[in-house]
Amino acid sequence: MNQPTFKANARKRERPRLNRAEQREARTRQLLEAAWAVYCEKGYEATTIDDVAAYAGVSRMPVYSLFGDKQNLYFALWCKFIDDLSMALRSPLRPQATLREKLEQLAATAVSAPTPPRASTLAPEGLFFVVQTIALSRPDIFERLKQRANEVLADFADIVRSSALDKGDRLRATPEVIASHIIAHLNGMSTVGFQTGKSFAKQRDVADIFLAAAFKPQRSSRADP
């Protein structure tokens, strides 16, 4: 009895082809992941474009085509970390929650973030100091760094502006000023954690700082004697 045979060239299920924009996005993500891996292994100064390209399994041309040079590559990597951090802080916030509830949740999320090893340059905070140093000699990167900071400020200000207030709550200042104080404290927590490898922040303390930055003291319902 003859056994059924299968054609060797039977059509296989093909993955959908990526368009040009999707290919560029995928390649960008691949190179940023490679840049981070090489940075963790060798540090910024010892890393070369060739190192990143070799880790990603490509020639150096895609790196230069997408980023231009090593300094722009690591600025883009820092921007990715900022985007990821912003998403991590914002995603737990319920749209229908009041501003007070959102600030409580923001404090809880910030305190639960992992602390880098003591004085480790191989942390996103270490990369931020690298990017700051780069910006001192690169006016173009300095301007983009400033623009990115303004975008983060605008995002946090929008949280303040769009949130409902609990009864009796009054904003202490404009949404932009409130957002700047919150971001400054988050940056301070991150810097202390980076420099010491320890977290000294407690959720209740951080929440109280955020609430004090956002709201005027509530008026007493009783008249003073």
C-alpha atoms as a PDB file:
ATOM      1  CA  MET A   1       0.000   0.000   0.000  1.00  0.00           C
ATOM      2  CA  ASN A   2       1.407   3.309  -1.048  1.00  0.00           C
ATOM      3  CA  GLN A   3       1.906   5.848   1.750  1.00  0.00           C
ATOM      4  CA  PRO A   4       0.778   9.427   1.141  1.00  0.00           C
ATOM      5  CA  THR A   5       3.583  11.808   0.341  1.00  0.00           C
ATOM      6  CA  PHE A   6       3.854  15.499   1.138  1.00  0.00           C
ATOM      7  CA  LYS A   7       5.425  18.009  -1.144  1.00  0.00           C
ATOM      8  CA  ALA A   8       8.647  19.382   0.237  1.00  0.00           C
ATOM      9  CA  ASN A   9       7.780  22.790  -1.113  1.00  0.00           C
ATOM     10  CA  ALA A  10       4.392  22.980   0.572  1.00  0.00           C
ATOM     11  CA  ARG A  11       3.583  26.590   1.383  1.00  0.00           C
ATOM     12  CA  LYS A  12       4.492  27.509   4.935  1.00  0.00           C
ATOM     13  CA  ARG A  13       2.595  30.001   6.978  1.00  0.00           C
ATOM     14  CA  GLU A  14       4.388  33.260   6.437  1.00  0.00           C
ATOM     15  CA  ARG A  15       4.672  36.043   8.946  1.00  0.00           C
ATOM     16  CA  PRO A  16       3.114  39.301   7.815  1.00  0.00           C
ATOM     17  CA  ARG A  17       5.714  41.496   6.191  1.00  0.00           C
ATOM     18  CA  LEU A  18       6.607  44.692   7.968  1.00  0.00           C
ATOM     19  CA  ASN A  19       6.222  47.968   6.173  1.00  0.00           C
ATOM     20  CA  ARG A  20       9.127  50.411   6.044  1.00  0.00           C
ATOM     21  CA  ALA A  21       8.121  52.300   9.185  1.00  0.00           C
ATOM     22  CA  GLU A  22       7.706  49.062  11.138  1.00  0.00           C
ATOM     23  CA  GLN A  23      11.082  47.809   9.905  1.00  0.00           C
ATOM     24  CA  ARG A  24      12.718  51.038  11.040  1.00  0.00           C
ATOM     25  CA  GLU A  25      11.050  50.786  14.456  1.00  0.00           C
ATOM     26  CA  ALA A  26      12.136  47.162  14.871  1.00  0.00           C
ATOM     27  CA  ARG A  27      15.724  47.945  13.866  1.00  0.00           C
ATOM     28  CA  THR A  28      15.813  50.946  16.208  1.00  0.00           C
ATOM     29  CA  ARG A  29      14.624  48.784  19.096  1.00  0.00           C
ATOM     30  CA  GLN A  30      17.199  46.112  18.223  1.00  0.00           C
ATOM     31  CA  LEU A  31      20.075  48.616  18.205  1.00  0.00           C
ATOM     32  CA  LEU A  32      18.987  50.301  21.447  1.00  0.00           C
ATOM     33  CA  GLU A  33      18.865  46.916  23.177  1.00  0.00           C
ATOM     34  CA  ALA A  34      22.352  46.172  21.831  1.00  0.00           C
ATOM     35  CA  ALA A  35      23.623  49.581  22.957  1.00  0.00           C
ATOM     36  CA  TRP A  36      22.378  48.953  26.489  1.00  0.00           C
ATOM     37  CA  ALA A  37      23.885  45.455  26.614  1.00  0.00           C
ATOM     38  CA  VAL A  38      27.298  46.682  25.469  1.00  0.00           C
ATOM     39  CA  TYR A  39      27.129  49.665  27.848  1.00  0.00           C
ATOM     40  CA  CYS A  40      26.454  47.300  30.755  1.00  0.00           C
ATOM     41  CA  GLU A  41      29.432  45.193  29.735  1.00  0.00           C
ATOM     42  CA  LYS A  42      32.002  47.862  28.888  1.00  0.00           C
ATOM     43  CA  GLY A  43      30.729  51.259  30.043  1.00  0.00           C
ATOM     44  CA  TYR A  44      30.144  54.282  27.829  1.00  0.00           C
ATOM     45  CA  GLU A  45      33.715  55.397  27.167  1.00  0.00           C
ATOM     46  CA  ALA A  46      34.947  51.958  26.059  1.00  0.00           C
ATOM     47  CA  THR A  47      31.930  51.273  23.844  1.00  0.00           C
ATOM     48  CA  THR A  48      32.214  51.848  20.088  1.00  0.00           C
ATOM     49  CA  ILE A  49      29.692  51.867  17.272  1.00  0.00           C
ATOM     50  CA  ASP A  50      31.354  48.719  15.954  1.00  0.00           C
ATOM     51  CA  ASP A  51      30.738  47.019  19.320  1.00  0.00           C
ATOM     52  CA  VAL A  52      27.031  47.852  19.184  1.00  0.00           C
ATOM     53  CA  ALA A  53      26.696  46.785  15.558  1.00  0.00           C
ATOM     54  CA  ALA A  54      28.491  43.493  16.219  1.00  0.00           C
ATOM     55  CA  TYR A  55      26.261  42.739  19.213  1.00  0.00           C
ATOM     56  CA  ALA A  56      23.166  43.422  17.105  1.00  0.00           C
ATOM     57  CA  GLY A  57      24.537  41.283  14.252  1.00  0.00           C
ATOM     58  CA  VAL A  58      24.520  44.089  11.689  1.00  0.00           C
ATOM     59  CA  SER A  59      27.037  46.301   9.946  1.00  0.00           C
ATOM     60  CA  ARG A  60      27.819  49.749  11.297  1.00  0.00           C
ATOM     61  CA  MET A  61      25.766  51.425   8.530  1.00  0.00           C
ATOM     62  CA  PRO A  62      22.319  50.943  10.157  1.00  0.00           C
ATOM     63  CA  VAL A  63      23.650  52.500  13.373  1.00  0.00           C
ATOM     64  CA  TYR A  64      24.972  55.567  11.582  1.00  0.00           C
ATOM     65  CA  SER A  65      21.849  55.752   9.406  1.00  0.00           C
ATOM     66  CA  LEU A  66      19.456  55.753  12.365  1.00  0.00           C
ATOM     67  CA  PHE A  67      21.451  57.687  14.974  1.00  0.00           C
ATOM     68  CA  GLY A  68      24.353  59.460  13.283  1.00  0.00           C
ATOM     69  CA  ASP A  69      26.924  58.862  16.010  1.00  0.00           C
ATOM     70  CA  LYS A  70      27.535  57.271  19.394  1.00  0.00           C
ATOM     71  CA  GLN A  71      26.424  60.332  21.349  1.00  0.00           C
ATOM     72  CA  ASN A  72      23.059  60.476  19.600  1.00  0.00           C
ATOM     73  CA  LEU A  73      22.667  56.723  20.052  1.00  0.00           C
ATOM     74  CA  TYR A  74      23.017  56.959  23.822  1.00  0.00           C
ATOM     75  CA  PHE A  75      20.813  60.031  24.003  1.00  0.00           C
ATOM     76  CA  ALA A  76      18.122  57.987  22.216  1.00  0.00           C
ATOM     77  CA  LEU A  77      18.670  55.151  24.692  1.00  0.00           C
ATOM     78  CA  TRP A  78      18.196  57.542  27.613  1.00  0.00           C
ATOM     79  CA  CYS A  79      14.989  58.848  26.004  1.00  0.00           C
ATOM     80  CA  LYS A  80      13.722  55.271  25.832  1.00  0.00           C
ATOM     81  CA  PHE A  81      14.335  54.840  29.559  1.00  0.00           C
ATOM     82  CA  ILE A  82      12.488  58.093  30.258  1.00  0.00           C
ATOM     83  CA  ASP A  83       9.526  56.926  28.161  1.00  0.00           C
ATOM     84  CA  ASP A  84       9.475  53.567  29.937  1.00  0.00           C
ATOM     85  CA  LEU A  85       9.677  55.228  33.360  1.00  0.00           C
ATOM     86  CA  SER A  86       6.907  57.687  32.523  1.00  0.00           C
ATOM     87  CA  MET A  87       4.708  54.819  31.363  1.00  0.00           C
ATOM     88  CA  ALA A  88       5.458  52.831  34.534  1.00  0.00           C
ATOM     89  CA  LEU A  89       4.492  55.804  36.710  1.00  0.00           C
ATOM     90  CA  ARG A  90       1.391  56.754  34.735  1.00  0.00           C
ATOM     91  CA  SER A  91      -0.111  53.369  33.854  1.00  0.00           C
ATOM     92  CA  PRO A  92      -1.385  52.508  37.395  1.00  0.00           C
ATOM     93  CA  LEU A  93      -3.257  55.833  37.600  1.00  0.00           C
ATOM     94  CA  ARG A  94      -6.993  55.352  37.096  1.00  0.00           C
ATOM     95  CA  PRO A  95      -8.453  58.094  34.846  1.00  0.00           C
ATOM     96  CA  GLN A  96     -11.495  58.492  37.096  1.00  0.00           C
ATOM     97  CA  ALA A  97      -9.426  58.836  40.286  1.00  0.00           C
ATOM     98  CA  THR A  98      -9.103  62.195  41.999  1.00  0.00           C
ATOM     99  CA  LEU A  99      -5.793  64.036  42.051  1.00  0.00           C
ATOM    100  CA  ARG A 100      -5.266  63.082  45.699  1.00  0.00           C
ATOM    101  CA  GLU A 101      -5.759  59.395  44.846  1.00  0.00           C
ATOM    102  CA  LYS A 102      -3.403  59.656  41.865  1.00  0.00           C
ATOM    103  CA  LEU A 103      -0.661  61.254  43.950  1.00  0.00           C
ATOM    104  CA  GLU A 104      -1.005  58.493  46.549  1.00  0.00           C
ATOM    105  CA  GLN A 105      -0.653  55.893  43.793  1.00  0.00           C
ATOM    106  CA  LEU A 106       2.263  57.754  42.227  1.00  0.00           C
ATOM    107  CA  ALA A 107       4.083  57.698  45.564  1.00  0.00           C
ATOM    108  CA  ALA A 108       3.473  53.957  45.936  1.00  0.00           C
ATOM    109  CA  THR A 109       4.802  53.264  42.443  1.00  0.00           C
ATOM    110  CA  ALA A 110       7.868  55.466  42.922  1.00  0.00           C
ATOM    111  CA  VAL A 111       8.828  53.839  46.223  1.00  0.00           C
ATOM    112  CA  SER A 112       8.422  50.324  44.823  1.00  0.00           C
ATOM    113  CA  ALA A 113      10.941  50.947  42.004  1.00  0.00           C
ATOM    114  CA  PRO A 114      14.107  48.818  42.380  1.00  0.00           C
ATOM    115  CA  THR A 115      17.223  50.527  43.747  1.00  0.00           C
ATOM    116  CA  PRO A 116      20.416  50.214  41.643  1.00  0.00           C
ATOM    117  CA  PRO A 117      23.574  48.738  43.169  1.00  0.00           C
ATOM    118  CA  ARG A 118      25.722  51.215  45.081  1.00  0.00           C
ATOM    119  CA  ALA A 119      27.451  53.695  42.754  1.00  0.00           C
ATOM    120  CA  SER A 120      26.619  51.523  39.753  1.00  0.00           C
ATOM    121  CA  THR A 121      27.108  53.348  36.461  1.00  0.00           C
ATOM    122  CA  LEU A 122      25.233  50.504  34.785  1.00  0.00           C
ATOM    123  CA  ALA A 123      21.829  51.893  35.703  1.00  0.00           C
ATOM    124  CA  PRO A 124      19.550  54.288  33.805  1.00  0.00           C
ATOM    125  CA  GLU A 125      20.529  56.984  36.317  1.00  0.00           C
ATOM    126  CA  GLY A 126      24.174  56.441  35.410  1.00  0.00           C
ATOM    127  CA  LEU A 127      23.285  56.828  31.760  1.00  0.00           C
ATOM    128  CA  PHE A 128      21.543  60.109  32.591  1.00  0.00           C
ATOM    129  CA  PHE A 129      24.811  61.507  33.967  1.00  0.00           C
ATOM    130  CA  VAL A 130      26.533  60.352  30.768  1.00  0.00           C
ATOM    131  CA  VAL A 131      23.938  62.190  28.665  1.00  0.00           C
ATOM    132  CA  GLN A 132      24.289  65.331  30.786  1.00  0.00           C
ATOM    133  CA  THR A 133      28.041  65.281  30.182  1.00  0.00           C
ATOM    134  CA  ILE A 134      27.508  64.797  26.443  1.00  0.00           C
ATOM    135  CA  ALA A 135      25.118  67.761  26.366  1.00  0.00           C
ATOM    136  CA  LEU A 136      27.803  70.100  27.753  1.00  0.00           C
ATOM    137  CA  SER A 137      29.715  69.866  24.464  1.00  0.00           C
ATOM    138  CA  ARG A 138      26.801  69.230  22.099  1.00  0.00           C
ATOM    139  CA  PRO A 139      24.377  72.183  21.836  1.00  0.00           C
ATOM    140  CA  ASP A 140      22.031  70.137  19.630  1.00  0.00           C
ATOM    141  CA  ILE A 141      21.722  67.392  22.240  1.00  0.00           C
ATOM    142  CA  PHE A 142      21.408  70.001  24.998  1.00  0.00           C
ATOM    143  CA  GLU A 143      18.407  71.528  23.214  1.00  0.00           C
ATOM    144  CA  ARG A 144      16.788  68.112  22.750  1.00  0.00           C
ATOM    145  CA  LEU A 145      17.496  67.271  26.391  1.00  0.00           C
ATOM    146  CA  LYS A 146      15.753  70.466  27.434  1.00  0.00           C
ATOM    147  CA  GLN A 147      12.841  69.748  25.091  1.00  0.00           C
ATOM    148  CA  ARG A 148      12.468  66.245  26.509  1.00  0.00           C
ATOM    149  CA  ALA A 149      12.433  67.626  30.056  1.00  0.00           C
ATOM    150  CA  ASN A 150       9.689  70.082  29.063  1.00  0.00           C
ATOM    151  CA  GLU A 151       7.658  67.239  27.573  1.00  0.00           C
ATOM    152  CA  VAL A 152       7.885  65.255  30.818  1.00  0.00           C
ATOM    153  CA  LEU A 153       6.857  68.362  32.752  1.00  0.00           C
ATOM    154  CA  ALA A 154       3.881  68.859  30.438  1.00  0.00           C
ATOM    155  CA  ASP A 155       2.804  65.233  30.896  1.00  0.00           C
ATOM    156  CA  PHE A 156       2.789  65.535  34.695  1.00  0.00           C
ATOM    157  CA  ALA A 157       1.105  68.934  34.546  1.00  0.00           C
ATOM    158  CA  ASP A 158      -1.633  67.375  32.421  1.00  0.00           C
ATOM    159  CA  ILE A 159      -2.245  64.788  35.149  1.00  0.00           C
ATOM    160  CA  VAL A 160      -2.774  67.617  37.634  1.00  0.00           C
ATOM    161  CA  ARG A 161      -4.893  69.688  35.243  1.00  0.00           C
ATOM    162  CA  SER A 162      -7.192  66.863  34.160  1.00  0.00           C
ATOM    163  CA  SER A 163      -7.840  65.318  37.576  1.00  0.00           C
ATOM    164  CA  ALA A 164     -10.906  65.984  39.697  1.00  0.00           C
ATOM    165  CA  LEU A 165     -10.397  67.339  43.220  1.00  0.00           C
ATOM    166  CA  ASP A 166     -11.768  65.935  46.432  1.00  0.00           C
ATOM    167  CA  LYS A 167     -14.111  68.141  48.422  1.00  0.00           C
ATOM    168  CA  GLY A 168     -12.134  70.834  50.206  1.00  0.00           C
ATOM    169  CA  ASP A 169      -8.978  70.422  48.109  1.00  0.00           C
ATOM    170  CA  ARG A 170      -7.532  73.573  46.511  1.00  0.00           C
ATOM    171  CA  LEU A 171      -4.461  73.623  44.317  1.00  0.00           C
ATOM    172  CA  ARG A 172      -1.451  75.355  45.823  1.00  0.00           C
ATOM    173  CA  ALA A 173      -0.120  76.590  42.469  1.00  0.00           C
ATOM    174  CA  THR A 174      -0.464  76.113  38.714  1.00  0.00           C
ATOM    175  CA  PRO A 175      -0.324  72.535  37.367  1.00  0.00           C
ATOM    176  CA  GLU A 176       3.130  73.266  35.898  1.00  0.00           C
ATOM    177  CA  VAL A 177       4.560  74.420  39.245  1.00  0.00           C
ATOM    178  CA  ILE A 178       3.048  71.447  41.087  1.00  0.00           C
ATOM    179  CA  ALA A 179       4.407  69.078  38.450  1.00  0.00           C
ATOM    180  CA  SER A 180       7.879  70.623  38.705  1.00  0.00           C
ATOM    181  CA  HIS A 181       7.984  69.989  42.468  1.00  0.00           C
ATOM    182  CA  ILE A 182       6.867  66.377  42.047  1.00  0.00           C
ATOM    183  CA  ILE A 183       9.431  65.720  39.303  1.00  0.00           C
ATOM    184  CA  ALA A 184      12.173  67.372  41.360  1.00  0.00           C
ATOM    185  CA  HIS A 185      11.440  65.048  44.273  1.00  0.00           C
ATOM    186  CA  LEU A 186      11.346  61.982  42.019  1.00  0.00           C
ATOM    187  CA  ASN A 187      14.706  63.010  40.541  1.00  0.00           C
ATOM    188  CA  GLY A 188      16.124  63.525  44.014  1.00  0.00           C
ATOM    189  CA  MET A 189      14.979  60.074  45.136  1.00  0.00           C
ATOM    190  CA  SER A 190      16.527  58.549  42.032  1.00  0.00           C
ATOM    191  CA  THR A 191      19.842  60.372  42.506  1.00  0.00           C
ATOM    192  CA  VAL A 192      20.159  59.388  46.167  1.00  0.00           C
ATOM    193  CA  GLY A 193      19.344  55.778  45.302  1.00  0.00           C
ATOM    194  CA  PHE A 194      21.903  55.801  42.494  1.00  0.00           C
ATOM    195  CA  GLN A 195      24.661  57.302  44.634  1.00  0.00           C
ATOM    196  CA  THR A 196      24.096  55.189  47.747  1.00  0.00           C
ATOM    197  CA  GLY A 197      22.515  52.006  46.429  1.00  0.00           C
ATOM    198  CA  LYS A 198      19.872  52.404  49.128  1.00  0.00           C
ATOM    199  CA  SER A 199      16.270  53.547  49.258  1.00  0.00           C
ATOM    200  CA  PHE A 200      15.429  55.843  52.149  1.00  0.00           C
ATOM    201  CA  ALA A 201      11.960  56.780  50.900  1.00  0.00           C
ATOM    202  CA  LYS A 202       8.826  55.574  52.644  1.00  0.00           C
ATOM    203  CA  GLN A 203       5.538  55.582  50.786  1.00  0.00           C
ATOM    204  CA  ARG A 204       3.696  57.674  53.373  1.00  0.00           C
ATOM    205  CA  ASP A 205       6.450  60.296  53.490  1.00  0.00           C
ATOM    206  CA  VAL A 206       6.612  60.589  49.691  1.00  0.00           C
ATOM    207  CA  ALA A 207       2.819  60.809  49.434  1.00  0.00           C
ATOM    208  CA  ASP A 208       2.757  63.581  52.063  1.00  0.00           C
ATOM    209  CA  ILE A 209       5.383  65.535  50.090  1.00  0.00           C
ATOM    210  CA  PHE A 210       3.373  65.191  46.867  1.00  0.00           C
ATOM    211  CA  LEU A 211       0.143  66.218  48.584  1.00  0.00           C
ATOM    212  CA  ALA A 212       1.806  69.208  50.252  1.00  0.00           C
ATOM    213  CA  ALA A 213       3.184  70.319  46.882  1.00  0.00           C
ATOM    214  CA  ALA A 214      -0.242  70.031  45.265  1.00  0.00           C
ATOM    215  CA  PHE A 215      -2.749  71.353  47.809  1.00  0.00           C
ATOM    216  CA  LYS A 216      -3.232  74.306  50.088  1.00  0.00           C
ATOM    217  CA  PRO A 217      -3.838  73.395  53.741  1.00  0.00           C
ATOM    218  CA  GLN A 218      -7.513  72.652  54.284  1.00  0.00           C
ATOM    219  CA  ARG A 219      -9.450  75.248  56.230  1.00  0.00           C
ATOM    220  CA  SER A 220     -10.627  74.248  59.641  1.00  0.00           C
ATOM    221  CA  SER A 221     -14.385  73.837  59.927  1.00  0.00           C
ATOM    222  CA  ARG A 222     -14.349  75.311  63.441  1.00  0.00           C
ATOM    223  CA  ALA A 223     -13.732  78.937  64.283  1.00  0.00           C
ATOM    224  CA  ASP A 224     -10.579  79.649  66.282  1.00  0.00           C
ATOM    225  CA  PRO A 225     -11.308  80.359  69.946  1.00  0.00           C
END
